[in-house]
C-alpha atoms as a PDB file:
ATOM      1  CA  MET A   1      -8.031 -13.179  -1.413  1.00  0.00           C
ATOM      2  CA  ASP A   2      -9.657 -11.230   1.292  1.00  0.00           C
ATOM      3  CA  ALA A   3      -6.392 -11.881   4.146  1.00  0.00           C
ATOM      4  CA  LEU A   4      -4.509 -10.831   2.016  1.00  0.00           C
ATOM      5  CA  ILE A   5      -5.889  -6.656   1.473  1.00  0.00           C
ATOM      6  CA  GLY A   6      -6.594  -7.061   4.942  1.00  0.00           C
ATOM      7  CA  LYS A   7      -2.503  -7.760   5.428  1.00  0.00           C
ATOM      8  CA  ARG A   8      -1.776  -5.128   3.027  1.00  0.00           C
ATOM      9  CA  ILE A   9      -4.605  -2.718   4.961  1.00  0.00           C
ATOM     10  CA  CYS A  10      -2.894  -3.599   8.453  1.00  0.00           C
ATOM     11  CA  GLN A  11       0.969  -3.130   6.907  1.00  0.00           C
ATOM     12  CA  ALA A  12      -0.142   0.071   5.604  1.00  0.00           C
ATOM     13  CA  ARG A  13      -1.975   1.272   8.467  1.00  0.00           C
ATOM     14  CA  LYS A  14       1.124   0.606  10.373  1.00  0.00           C
ATOM     15  CA  ALA A  15       3.234   2.725   7.967  1.00  0.00           C
ATOM     16  CA  LYS A  16       1.713   4.988   8.784  1.00  0.00           C
ATOM     17  CA  HIS A  17       1.875   5.176  12.644  1.00  0.00           C
ATOM     18  CA  LEU A  18      -1.645   4.594  12.979  1.00  0.00           C
ATOM     19  CA  THR A  19      -3.862   1.807  15.600  1.00  0.00           C
ATOM     20  CA  GLN A  20      -7.402   0.426  14.177  1.00  0.00           C
ATOM     21  CA  GLU A  21      -8.685   3.292  16.543  1.00  0.00           C
ATOM     22  CA  ASP A  22      -7.066   6.413  14.192  1.00  0.00           C
ATOM     23  CA  LEU A  23      -7.989   5.101  11.221  1.00  0.00           C
ATOM     24  CA  ALA A  24     -11.839   4.074  12.520  1.00  0.00           C
ATOM     25  CA  GLU A  25     -12.105   7.475  13.138  1.00  0.00           C
ATOM     26  CA  LEU A  26      -9.912   9.001   9.619  1.00  0.00           C
ATOM     27  CA  SER A  27     -11.917   6.631   7.695  1.00  0.00           C
ATOM     28  CA  GLY A  28     -16.001   6.748   9.420  1.00  0.00           C
ATOM     29  CA  LEU A  29     -15.182   3.064   9.869  1.00  0.00           C
ATOM     30  CA  SER A  30     -15.797   1.403  13.304  1.00  0.00           C
ATOM     31  CA  VAL A  31     -12.599  -0.060  14.378  1.00  0.00           C
ATOM     32  CA  SER A  32     -14.619  -3.658  14.861  1.00  0.00           C
ATOM     33  CA  ALA A  33     -15.018  -3.132  11.239  1.00  0.00           C
ATOM     34  CA  ILE A  34     -11.364  -2.253  10.228  1.00  0.00           C
ATOM     35  CA  SER A  35      -9.931  -5.541  12.895  1.00  0.00           C
ATOM     36  CA  ARG A  36     -12.463  -7.492  10.208  1.00  0.00           C
ATOM     37  CA  LEU A  37     -10.804  -6.554   7.895  1.00  0.00           C
ATOM     38  CA  GLU A  38      -7.176  -6.898   8.671  1.00  0.00           C
ATOM     39  CA  THR A  39      -7.850 -10.277   9.592  1.00  0.00           C
ATOM     40  CA  GLY A  40     -10.204 -10.981   6.927  1.00  0.00           C
ATOM     41  CA  HIS A  41     -12.891 -12.020   8.069  1.00  0.00           C
ATOM     42  CA  ASN A  42     -14.661  -9.217   6.805  1.00  0.00           C
ATOM     43  CA  SER A  43     -14.914  -7.565   3.171  1.00  0.00           C
ATOM     44  CA  THR A  44     -16.247  -4.813   1.937  1.00  0.00           C
ATOM     45  CA  SER A  45     -17.049  -2.439  -1.187  1.00  0.00           C
ATOM     46  CA  LEU A  46     -14.600  -0.957  -4.411  1.00  0.00           C
ATOM     47  CA  LYS A  47     -15.634   2.304  -3.030  1.00  0.00           C
ATOM     48  CA  THR A  48     -14.743   1.574   1.162  1.00  0.00           C
ATOM     49  CA  LEU A  49     -11.130   0.553  -0.286  1.00  0.00           C
ATOM     50  CA  ALA A  50     -10.011   3.616  -2.757  1.00  0.00           C
ATOM     51  CA  HIS A  51     -11.725   5.442   0.897  1.00  0.00           C
ATOM     52  CA  LEU A  52      -8.682   3.349   3.060  1.00  0.00           C
ATOM     53  CA  CYS A  53      -6.526   3.864   0.242  1.00  0.00           C
ATOM     54  CA  ASN A  54      -6.275   7.545  -0.020  1.00  0.00           C
ATOM     55  CA  ILE A  55      -6.546   7.451   3.570  1.00  0.00           C
ATOM     56  CA  LEU A  56      -3.071   5.088   3.710  1.00  0.00           C
ATOM     57  CA  ASP A  57      -1.542   6.931   0.624  1.00  0.00           C
ATOM     58  CA  VAL A  58      -1.171   4.034  -1.018  1.00  0.00           C
ATOM     59  CA  PRO A  59      -2.140   3.194  -4.347  1.00  0.00           C
ATOM     60  CA  LEU A  60      -5.122   0.815  -4.689  1.00  0.00           C
ATOM     61  CA  ASN A  61      -3.284  -1.940  -7.303  1.00  0.00           C
ATOM     62  CA  TYR A  62      -1.456  -2.048  -3.238  1.00  0.00           C
ATOM     63  CA  LEU A  63      -4.387  -3.734  -1.929  1.00  0.00           C
ATOM     64  CA  LEU A  64      -5.323  -5.393  -5.290  1.00  0.00           C
ATOM     65  CA  TYR A  65      -2.562  -6.690  -6.970  1.00  0.00           C
ATOM     66  CA  ASP A  66      -3.765 -10.442  -6.698  1.00  0.00           C
ATOM     67  CA  VAL A  67      -6.926  -9.550  -8.893  1.00  0.00           C
ATOM     68  CA  LEU A  68      -5.149  -7.305 -11.783  1.00  0.00           C
ATOM     69  CA  SER A  69      -3.658  -9.361 -14.824  1.00  0.00           C
ATOM     70  CA  GLU A  70      -0.557 -11.159 -14.430  1.00  0.00           C
ATOM     71  CA  GLN A  71       1.148  -8.776 -16.679  1.00  0.00           C
ATOM     72  CA  SER A  72       1.470  -5.760 -14.495  1.00  0.00           C
ATOM     73  CA  SER A  73       4.861  -5.060 -12.621  1.00  0.00           C
ATOM     74  CA  ALA A  74       2.430  -3.755 -10.105  1.00  0.00           C
ATOM     75  CA  GLN A  75       1.675  -7.134  -9.001  1.00  0.00           C
ATOM     76  CA  ASN A  76       5.224  -7.582  -7.324  1.00  0.00           C
ATOM     77  CA  PRO A  77       4.250  -5.573  -3.546  1.00  0.00           C
ATOM     78  CA  ILE A  78       7.798  -4.448  -3.192  1.00  0.00           C
ATOM     79  CA  VAL A  79       7.379  -2.136  -6.543  1.00  0.00           C
ATOM     80  CA  THR A  80       4.424  -1.276  -5.674  1.00  0.00           C
ATOM     81  CA  ASP A  81       5.927  -0.007  -1.913  1.00  0.00           C
ATOM     82  CA  ILE A  82       9.002   1.737  -4.089  1.00  0.00           C
ATOM     83  CA  LEU A  83       6.265   3.101  -5.990  1.00  0.00           C
ATOM     84  CA  ALA A  84       3.998   4.926  -3.490  1.00  0.00           C
ATOM     85  CA  MET A  85       7.016   6.150  -1.820  1.00  0.00           C
ATOM     86  CA  LEU A  86       8.899   8.071  -5.271  1.00  0.00           C
ATOM     87  CA  GLU A  87       4.532   8.954  -5.737  1.00  0.00           C
ATOM     88  CA  ARG A  88       4.752  11.290  -2.188  1.00  0.00           C
ATOM     89  CA  MET A  89       8.428  12.405  -3.467  1.00  0.00           C
ATOM     90  CA  ASP A  90       9.397  15.963  -5.123  1.00  0.00           C
ATOM     91  CA  GLU A  91      11.624  15.586  -8.545  1.00  0.00           C
ATOM     92  CA  LYS A  92      14.433  16.432  -6.607  1.00  0.00           C
ATOM     93  CA  GLN A  93      14.213  12.819  -4.578  1.00  0.00           C
ATOM     94  CA  GLN A  94      13.219  11.464  -6.706  1.00  0.00           C
ATOM     95  CA  GLN A  95      16.420  11.686  -9.256  1.00  0.00           C
ATOM     96  CA  PHE A  96      19.024  11.179  -6.359  1.00  0.00           C
ATOM     97  CA  VAL A  97      16.688   7.832  -6.052  1.00  0.00           C
ATOM     98  CA  LEU A  98      17.007   7.289  -9.776  1.00  0.00           C
ATOM     99  CA  ASP A  99      21.074   7.784  -9.231  1.00  0.00           C
ATOM    100  CA  PHE A 100      21.602   5.324  -6.407  1.00  0.00           C
ATOM    101  CA  VAL A 101      19.520   2.908  -8.511  1.00  0.00           C
ATOM    102  CA  LYS A 102      21.266   3.536 -11.078  1.00  0.00           C
ATOM    103  CA  LEU A 103      24.935   3.329  -9.085  1.00  0.00           C
ATOM    104  CA  TYR A 104      23.735   0.061  -7.619  1.00  0.00           C
ATOM    105  CA  ALA A 105      22.832  -1.801 -10.846  1.00  0.00           C
ATOM    106  CA  ASN A 106      26.113  -1.359 -12.224  1.00  0.00           C
ATOM    107  CA  SER A 107      27.773  -1.680  -9.221  1.00  0.00           C
ATOM    108  CA  GLY A 108      27.959  -5.582  -9.859  1.00  0.00           C
ATOM    109  CA  LEU A 109      27.169  -5.573  -5.988  1.00  0.00           C
ATOM    110  CA  LYS A 110      23.749  -8.300  -6.171  1.00  0.00           C
END
């Protein structure tokens, strides 16, 4: 499980165009600690994971979705990514995305 969490940390870091050095500086962790987390060689506390999520602008369930209940739609990493993006949008942008998704869903292009 640590490898999956590490992979998600790495993906979120890259999505924000941060290097391991950048994330280390922002988080107060060493570069080697970031590297070990991303490769799954080390685990860390929930507090540190929450801190990294704040820096990376991702919800904690993005990192921990395998630990959550099987019934949660937040387990799906695609849904989690979409929700994280929507949370950063203003209401007008969210409405545009909703209208587009509805249009696509009704188009028969599935």
